[in-house]
């Protein structure tokens, strides 16, 4: 238990207090802008490649069998909840991200990304194990997995690229979010164990890009 506490402190020191490399942040911001520029040029929506032009049905996974890259071990899907049952705010729906640590292992849940109806991310959050039925990776493990996140052999290439750019651009917030989740789990009272959302943080891509002065 003592070592776990030290690991959390190291995690925050490395990814929150120390600035990320400017070159990496610039590249992520440019990738994200390129994704939205490509969508705008085609008058397309970020989710078009997943929902195939149809309004999403509540609770259904998009795509139906999830996006799973068996080479990298990463998996994700998008879905939207019925009104009043999501993470709140301007949320339309959210992505759930997972990693498979082995061929026969259940995928570990890493992170959720909430989107507005316009396809713009507005929050990152983590959920309790009962929400997805998947095990939760520790903050240290999950952050490492998200830092390496890559999907090549499945899904919509633009969404895949968008996810990678977003995860890099908001890595400090993700580190905070995961550390807060683990603290919440360790301190949770019995009556709190049924909570669905364990930690959440709002994000603003326009403000973040303005900060780095592209």
C-alpha atoms as a PDB file:
ATOM      1  CA  UNK A   1       0.000   0.000   0.000  1.00  0.00           C
ATOM      2  CA  UNK A   2       2.869   2.363   0.779  1.00  0.00           C
ATOM      3  CA  UNK A   3       4.391   1.748  -2.645  1.00  0.00           C
ATOM      4  CA  UNK A   4       1.031   2.478  -4.348  1.00  0.00           C
ATOM      5  CA  UNK A   5       0.911   5.882  -2.612  1.00  0.00           C
ATOM      6  CA  UNK A   6       4.411   6.684  -3.795  1.00  0.00           C
ATOM      7  CA  UNK A   7       3.523   5.657  -7.314  1.00  0.00           C
ATOM      8  CA  UNK A   8       0.565   8.047  -7.373  1.00  0.00           C
ATOM      9  CA  UNK A   9       2.792  10.894  -6.209  1.00  0.00           C
ATOM     10  CA  UNK A  10       5.346  10.076  -8.885  1.00  0.00           C
ATOM     11  CA  UNK A  11       2.568   9.977 -11.451  1.00  0.00           C
ATOM     12  CA  UNK A  12       1.397  13.475 -10.607  1.00  0.00           C
ATOM     13  CA  UNK A  13       4.944  14.869 -10.441  1.00  0.00           C
ATOM     14  CA  UNK A  14       5.802  13.499 -13.857  1.00  0.00           C
ATOM     15  CA  UNK A  15       2.657  14.330 -15.800  1.00  0.00           C
ATOM     16  CA  UNK A  16       1.051  17.267 -13.999  1.00  0.00           C
ATOM     17  CA  UNK A  17       3.725  19.485 -12.460  1.00  0.00           C
ATOM     18  CA  UNK A  18       6.293  19.109 -15.233  1.00  0.00           C
ATOM     19  CA  UNK A  19       5.259  20.724 -18.564  1.00  0.00           C
ATOM     20  CA  UNK A  20       4.912  18.398 -21.533  1.00  0.00           C
ATOM     21  CA  UNK A  21       7.376  18.749 -24.385  1.00  0.00           C
ATOM     22  CA  UNK A  22       6.282  21.650 -26.573  1.00  0.00           C
ATOM     23  CA  UNK A  23       6.904  19.719 -29.784  1.00  0.00           C
ATOM     24  CA  UNK A  24       4.591  16.910 -28.703  1.00  0.00           C
ATOM     25  CA  UNK A  25       1.838  19.286 -27.608  1.00  0.00           C
ATOM     26  CA  UNK A  26       2.102  21.275 -30.852  1.00  0.00           C
ATOM     27  CA  UNK A  27       1.853  18.101 -32.936  1.00  0.00           C
ATOM     28  CA  UNK A  28      -1.220  16.911 -31.019  1.00  0.00           C
ATOM     29  CA  UNK A  29      -2.933  20.290 -31.405  1.00  0.00           C
ATOM     30  CA  UNK A  30      -2.224  20.376 -35.134  1.00  0.00           C
ATOM     31  CA  UNK A  31      -3.521  16.832 -35.564  1.00  0.00           C
ATOM     32  CA  UNK A  32      -6.719  17.722 -33.750  1.00  0.00           C
ATOM     33  CA  UNK A  33      -7.215  20.850 -35.860  1.00  0.00           C
ATOM     34  CA  UNK A  34      -6.510  18.872 -39.024  1.00  0.00           C
ATOM     35  CA  UNK A  35      -9.223  16.365 -38.073  1.00  0.00           C
ATOM     36  CA  UNK A  36     -11.832  19.097 -37.649  1.00  0.00           C
ATOM     37  CA  UNK A  37     -10.658  20.872 -40.814  1.00  0.00           C
ATOM     38  CA  UNK A  38     -11.106  17.634 -42.757  1.00  0.00           C
ATOM     39  CA  UNK A  39     -14.612  17.225 -41.352  1.00  0.00           C
ATOM     40  CA  UNK A  40     -15.520  20.835 -42.143  1.00  0.00           C
ATOM     41  CA  UNK A  41     -14.296  20.485 -45.728  1.00  0.00           C
ATOM     42  CA  UNK A  42     -16.720  17.580 -46.212  1.00  0.00           C
ATOM     43  CA  UNK A  43     -19.512  19.075 -44.087  1.00  0.00           C
ATOM     44  CA  UNK A  44     -19.179  15.919 -42.010  1.00  0.00           C
ATOM     45  CA  UNK A  45     -19.569  15.099 -38.309  1.00  0.00           C
ATOM     46  CA  UNK A  46     -16.950  13.373 -36.181  1.00  0.00           C
ATOM     47  CA  UNK A  47     -19.295  10.439 -35.582  1.00  0.00           C
ATOM     48  CA  UNK A  48     -20.359   9.909 -39.218  1.00  0.00           C
ATOM     49  CA  UNK A  49     -17.952   7.030 -39.727  1.00  0.00           C
ATOM     50  CA  UNK A  50     -19.355   5.243 -36.666  1.00  0.00           C
ATOM     51  CA  UNK A  51     -23.111   5.911 -36.859  1.00  0.00           C
ATOM     52  CA  UNK A  52     -23.290   5.740 -40.680  1.00  0.00           C
ATOM     53  CA  UNK A  53     -25.486   8.803 -41.027  1.00  0.00           C
ATOM     54  CA  UNK A  54     -28.214   7.621 -38.666  1.00  0.00           C
ATOM     55  CA  UNK A  55     -29.178   9.212 -35.331  1.00  0.00           C
ATOM     56  CA  UNK A  56     -27.598   7.195 -32.509  1.00  0.00           C
ATOM     57  CA  UNK A  57     -29.936   4.906 -30.590  1.00  0.00           C
ATOM     58  CA  UNK A  58     -29.675   5.214 -26.800  1.00  0.00           C
ATOM     59  CA  UNK A  59     -27.390   2.635 -25.187  1.00  0.00           C
ATOM     60  CA  UNK A  60     -26.351   1.022 -28.474  1.00  0.00           C
ATOM     61  CA  UNK A  61     -22.623   0.640 -29.140  1.00  0.00           C
ATOM     62  CA  UNK A  62     -21.156   2.325 -32.196  1.00  0.00           C
ATOM     63  CA  UNK A  63     -19.900   0.384 -33.986  1.00  0.00           C
ATOM     64  CA  UNK A  64     -22.044  -2.568 -32.888  1.00  0.00           C
ATOM     65  CA  UNK A  65     -19.104  -4.861 -32.068  1.00  0.00           C
ATOM     66  CA  UNK A  66     -16.837  -2.021 -30.866  1.00  0.00           C
ATOM     67  CA  UNK A  67     -13.588  -0.981 -32.511  1.00  0.00           C
ATOM     68  CA  UNK A  68     -10.933  -3.513 -31.519  1.00  0.00           C
ATOM     69  CA  UNK A  69      -7.352  -3.487 -32.783  1.00  0.00           C
ATOM     70  CA  UNK A  70      -6.031  -6.966 -32.034  1.00  0.00           C
ATOM     71  CA  UNK A  71      -2.486  -5.902 -32.873  1.00  0.00           C
ATOM     72  CA  UNK A  72      -2.269  -3.061 -30.350  1.00  0.00           C
ATOM     73  CA  UNK A  73      -4.838  -4.410 -27.864  1.00  0.00           C
ATOM     74  CA  UNK A  74      -6.920  -1.225 -27.744  1.00  0.00           C
ATOM     75  CA  UNK A  75     -10.693  -1.032 -27.960  1.00  0.00           C
ATOM     76  CA  UNK A  76     -13.306   1.721 -27.942  1.00  0.00           C
ATOM     77  CA  UNK A  77     -16.949   2.438 -28.651  1.00  0.00           C
ATOM     78  CA  UNK A  78     -19.292   5.408 -28.620  1.00  0.00           C
ATOM     79  CA  UNK A  79     -22.756   5.483 -27.138  1.00  0.00           C
ATOM     80  CA  UNK A  80     -25.310   7.881 -25.726  1.00  0.00           C
ATOM     81  CA  UNK A  81     -27.532   7.469 -22.687  1.00  0.00           C
ATOM     82  CA  UNK A  82     -31.194   8.244 -22.367  1.00  0.00           C
ATOM     83  CA  UNK A  83     -31.852  11.888 -21.366  1.00  0.00           C
ATOM     84  CA  UNK A  84     -30.958  12.576 -17.752  1.00  0.00           C
ATOM     85  CA  UNK A  85     -28.793   9.464 -17.310  1.00  0.00           C
ATOM     86  CA  UNK A  86     -25.439  10.565 -18.751  1.00  0.00           C
ATOM     87  CA  UNK A  87     -22.580  12.500 -17.201  1.00  0.00           C
ATOM     88  CA  UNK A  88     -24.586  15.729 -17.340  1.00  0.00           C
ATOM     89  CA  UNK A  89     -23.925  19.123 -18.876  1.00  0.00           C
ATOM     90  CA  UNK A  90     -24.071  19.470 -22.667  1.00  0.00           C
ATOM     91  CA  UNK A  91     -23.251  15.796 -23.206  1.00  0.00           C
ATOM     92  CA  UNK A  92     -24.595  14.066 -26.309  1.00  0.00           C
ATOM     93  CA  UNK A  93     -22.716  10.809 -25.669  1.00  0.00           C
ATOM     94  CA  UNK A  94     -19.267   9.506 -24.898  1.00  0.00           C
ATOM     95  CA  UNK A  95     -16.426   7.239 -25.926  1.00  0.00           C
ATOM     96  CA  UNK A  96     -15.274   4.436 -23.648  1.00  0.00           C
ATOM     97  CA  UNK A  97     -11.626   3.400 -24.088  1.00  0.00           C
ATOM     98  CA  UNK A  98     -10.183   0.014 -23.097  1.00  0.00           C
ATOM     99  CA  UNK A  99      -6.972  -1.996 -23.303  1.00  0.00           C
ATOM    100  CA  UNK A 100      -6.544  -5.768 -23.587  1.00  0.00           C
ATOM    101  CA  UNK A 101      -3.465  -6.919 -21.672  1.00  0.00           C
ATOM    102  CA  UNK A 102      -3.668 -10.425 -23.166  1.00  0.00           C
ATOM    103  CA  UNK A 103      -5.703 -12.394 -25.748  1.00  0.00           C
ATOM    104  CA  UNK A 104      -7.934 -14.046 -23.150  1.00  0.00           C
ATOM    105  CA  UNK A 105      -8.091 -11.223 -20.597  1.00  0.00           C
ATOM    106  CA  UNK A 106     -11.100  -8.964 -20.168  1.00  0.00           C
ATOM    107  CA  UNK A 107     -10.263  -5.462 -21.395  1.00  0.00           C
ATOM    108  CA  UNK A 108      -9.467  -2.915 -18.697  1.00  0.00           C
ATOM    109  CA  UNK A 109     -11.439   0.327 -18.787  1.00  0.00           C
ATOM    110  CA  UNK A 110      -9.146   3.345 -19.162  1.00  0.00           C
ATOM    111  CA  UNK A 111     -11.168   6.507 -19.713  1.00  0.00           C
ATOM    112  CA  UNK A 112     -14.400   8.040 -21.016  1.00  0.00           C
ATOM    113  CA  UNK A 113     -14.638  11.135 -23.232  1.00  0.00           C
ATOM    114  CA  UNK A 114     -17.889  13.131 -23.280  1.00  0.00           C
ATOM    115  CA  UNK A 115     -18.943  14.924 -26.484  1.00  0.00           C
ATOM    116  CA  UNK A 116     -21.418  17.663 -27.275  1.00  0.00           C
ATOM    117  CA  UNK A 117     -23.943  17.199 -30.082  1.00  0.00           C
ATOM    118  CA  UNK A 118     -21.514  19.013 -32.396  1.00  0.00           C
ATOM    119  CA  UNK A 119     -18.828  16.382 -31.816  1.00  0.00           C
ATOM    120  CA  UNK A 120     -16.656  18.550 -29.560  1.00  0.00           C
ATOM    121  CA  UNK A 121     -15.208  17.002 -26.370  1.00  0.00           C
ATOM    122  CA  UNK A 122     -16.255  18.842 -23.240  1.00  0.00           C
ATOM    123  CA  UNK A 123     -15.246  16.501 -20.383  1.00  0.00           C
ATOM    124  CA  UNK A 124     -13.147  13.513 -19.422  1.00  0.00           C
ATOM    125  CA  UNK A 125     -14.372  11.120 -16.756  1.00  0.00           C
ATOM    126  CA  UNK A 126     -13.828   7.729 -15.164  1.00  0.00           C
ATOM    127  CA  UNK A 127     -16.441   5.185 -14.167  1.00  0.00           C
ATOM    128  CA  UNK A 128     -16.853   2.490 -11.571  1.00  0.00           C
ATOM    129  CA  UNK A 129     -16.287  -1.116 -12.535  1.00  0.00           C
ATOM    130  CA  UNK A 130     -19.974  -1.982 -12.516  1.00  0.00           C
ATOM    131  CA  UNK A 131     -20.692   0.510 -15.324  1.00  0.00           C
ATOM    132  CA  UNK A 132     -18.867  -1.414 -18.052  1.00  0.00           C
ATOM    133  CA  UNK A 133     -18.293  -4.733 -16.291  1.00  0.00           C
ATOM    134  CA  UNK A 134     -14.595  -4.393 -17.071  1.00  0.00           C
ATOM    135  CA  UNK A 135     -11.733  -4.322 -14.556  1.00  0.00           C
ATOM    136  CA  UNK A 136     -10.139  -0.966 -13.788  1.00  0.00           C
ATOM    137  CA  UNK A 137      -6.436  -0.489 -14.479  1.00  0.00           C
ATOM    138  CA  UNK A 138      -4.523   1.398 -11.783  1.00  0.00           C
ATOM    139  CA  UNK A 139      -3.864   5.070 -12.457  1.00  0.00           C
ATOM    140  CA  UNK A 140      -0.237   4.345 -13.322  1.00  0.00           C
ATOM    141  CA  UNK A 141      -1.122   1.497 -15.684  1.00  0.00           C
ATOM    142  CA  UNK A 142      -4.002   3.363 -17.300  1.00  0.00           C
ATOM    143  CA  UNK A 143      -1.956   6.496 -17.915  1.00  0.00           C
ATOM    144  CA  UNK A 144       0.799   4.452 -19.517  1.00  0.00           C
ATOM    145  CA  UNK A 145      -1.732   2.685 -21.724  1.00  0.00           C
ATOM    146  CA  UNK A 146      -3.374   5.962 -22.771  1.00  0.00           C
ATOM    147  CA  UNK A 147       0.029   7.468 -23.551  1.00  0.00           C
ATOM    148  CA  UNK A 148       0.591   4.617 -26.025  1.00  0.00           C
ATOM    149  CA  UNK A 149      -2.984   4.482 -27.330  1.00  0.00           C
ATOM    150  CA  UNK A 150      -3.147   3.612 -31.018  1.00  0.00           C
ATOM    151  CA  UNK A 151      -5.718   1.933 -33.256  1.00  0.00           C
ATOM    152  CA  UNK A 152      -4.641   1.084 -36.794  1.00  0.00           C
ATOM    153  CA  UNK A 153      -6.433  -1.993 -38.086  1.00  0.00           C
ATOM    154  CA  UNK A 154     -10.060  -1.130 -37.235  1.00  0.00           C
ATOM    155  CA  UNK A 155     -12.477   1.765 -36.873  1.00  0.00           C
ATOM    156  CA  UNK A 156     -12.654   5.113 -38.635  1.00  0.00           C
ATOM    157  CA  UNK A 157      -9.088   6.397 -39.319  1.00  0.00           C
ATOM    158  CA  UNK A 158     -10.119   9.979 -38.598  1.00  0.00           C
ATOM    159  CA  UNK A 159     -11.670   9.083 -35.238  1.00  0.00           C
ATOM    160  CA  UNK A 160      -8.587   7.001 -34.405  1.00  0.00           C
ATOM    161  CA  UNK A 161      -6.326   9.960 -35.151  1.00  0.00           C
ATOM    162  CA  UNK A 162      -8.623  12.326 -33.232  1.00  0.00           C
ATOM    163  CA  UNK A 163      -8.495  10.130 -30.128  1.00  0.00           C
ATOM    164  CA  UNK A 164      -4.699   9.950 -30.137  1.00  0.00           C
ATOM    165  CA  UNK A 165      -4.375  13.725 -30.527  1.00  0.00           C
ATOM    166  CA  UNK A 166      -6.897  14.422 -27.765  1.00  0.00           C
ATOM    167  CA  UNK A 167      -5.229  12.031 -25.329  1.00  0.00           C
ATOM    168  CA  UNK A 168      -1.853  13.675 -25.897  1.00  0.00           C
ATOM    169  CA  UNK A 169      -3.187  17.214 -25.694  1.00  0.00           C
ATOM    170  CA  UNK A 170      -4.868  16.606 -22.332  1.00  0.00           C
ATOM    171  CA  UNK A 171      -2.396  14.199 -20.739  1.00  0.00           C
ATOM    172  CA  UNK A 172      -1.902  16.358 -17.598  1.00  0.00           C
ATOM    173  CA  UNK A 173      -5.657  16.430 -16.967  1.00  0.00           C
ATOM    174  CA  UNK A 174      -5.875  12.676 -17.557  1.00  0.00           C
ATOM    175  CA  UNK A 175      -3.174  12.088 -14.948  1.00  0.00           C
ATOM    176  CA  UNK A 176      -5.100  14.188 -12.432  1.00  0.00           C
ATOM    177  CA  UNK A 177      -8.342  12.444 -13.293  1.00  0.00           C
ATOM    178  CA  UNK A 178      -6.962   8.931 -12.840  1.00  0.00           C
ATOM    179  CA  UNK A 179      -5.208   9.793  -9.587  1.00  0.00           C
ATOM    180  CA  UNK A 180      -8.453  11.308  -8.264  1.00  0.00           C
ATOM    181  CA  UNK A 181     -10.329   8.156  -9.259  1.00  0.00           C
ATOM    182  CA  UNK A 182      -7.927   5.924  -7.346  1.00  0.00           C
ATOM    183  CA  UNK A 183      -8.137   8.147  -4.271  1.00  0.00           C
ATOM    184  CA  UNK A 184     -11.934   8.005  -4.463  1.00  0.00           C
ATOM    185  CA  UNK A 185     -11.894   4.224  -4.700  1.00  0.00           C
ATOM    186  CA  UNK A 186      -9.589   3.855  -1.700  1.00  0.00           C
ATOM    187  CA  UNK A 187     -11.650   6.248   0.418  1.00  0.00           C
ATOM    188  CA  UNK A 188     -15.099   5.165  -0.760  1.00  0.00           C
ATOM    189  CA  UNK A 189     -17.697   4.397   1.858  1.00  0.00           C
ATOM    190  CA  UNK A 190     -19.899   1.338   1.411  1.00  0.00           C
ATOM    191  CA  UNK A 191     -22.824   3.466   0.208  1.00  0.00           C
ATOM    192  CA  UNK A 192     -20.576   5.188  -2.375  1.00  0.00           C
ATOM    193  CA  UNK A 193     -19.517   2.002  -4.125  1.00  0.00           C
ATOM    194  CA  UNK A 194     -22.559   2.188  -6.384  1.00  0.00           C
ATOM    195  CA  UNK A 195     -21.458   5.527  -7.812  1.00  0.00           C
ATOM    196  CA  UNK A 196     -21.109   5.432 -11.587  1.00  0.00           C
ATOM    197  CA  UNK A 197     -18.807   8.415 -12.226  1.00  0.00           C
ATOM    198  CA  UNK A 198     -15.756   8.409  -9.948  1.00  0.00           C
ATOM    199  CA  UNK A 199     -13.944  11.475 -11.279  1.00  0.00           C
ATOM    200  CA  UNK A 200     -14.562  14.059 -13.984  1.00  0.00           C
ATOM    201  CA  UNK A 201     -12.861  17.129 -15.387  1.00  0.00           C
ATOM    202  CA  UNK A 202     -14.097  19.646 -17.975  1.00  0.00           C
ATOM    203  CA  UNK A 203     -11.917  20.316 -21.023  1.00  0.00           C
ATOM    204  CA  UNK A 204     -11.904  23.048 -23.654  1.00  0.00           C
ATOM    205  CA  UNK A 205      -9.932  22.368 -26.830  1.00  0.00           C
ATOM    206  CA  UNK A 206     -10.149  25.979 -28.026  1.00  0.00           C
ATOM    207  CA  UNK A 207      -8.712  27.252 -24.756  1.00  0.00           C
ATOM    208  CA  UNK A 208      -5.970  24.619 -24.737  1.00  0.00           C
ATOM    209  CA  UNK A 209      -4.913  25.421 -28.288  1.00  0.00           C
ATOM    210  CA  UNK A 210      -4.957  29.148 -27.509  1.00  0.00           C
ATOM    211  CA  UNK A 211      -2.682  28.471 -24.534  1.00  0.00           C
ATOM    212  CA  UNK A 212       0.024  26.955 -26.695  1.00  0.00           C
ATOM    213  CA  UNK A 213      -0.264  29.808 -29.246  1.00  0.00           C
ATOM    214  CA  UNK A 214      -0.168  27.866 -32.509  1.00  0.00           C
END
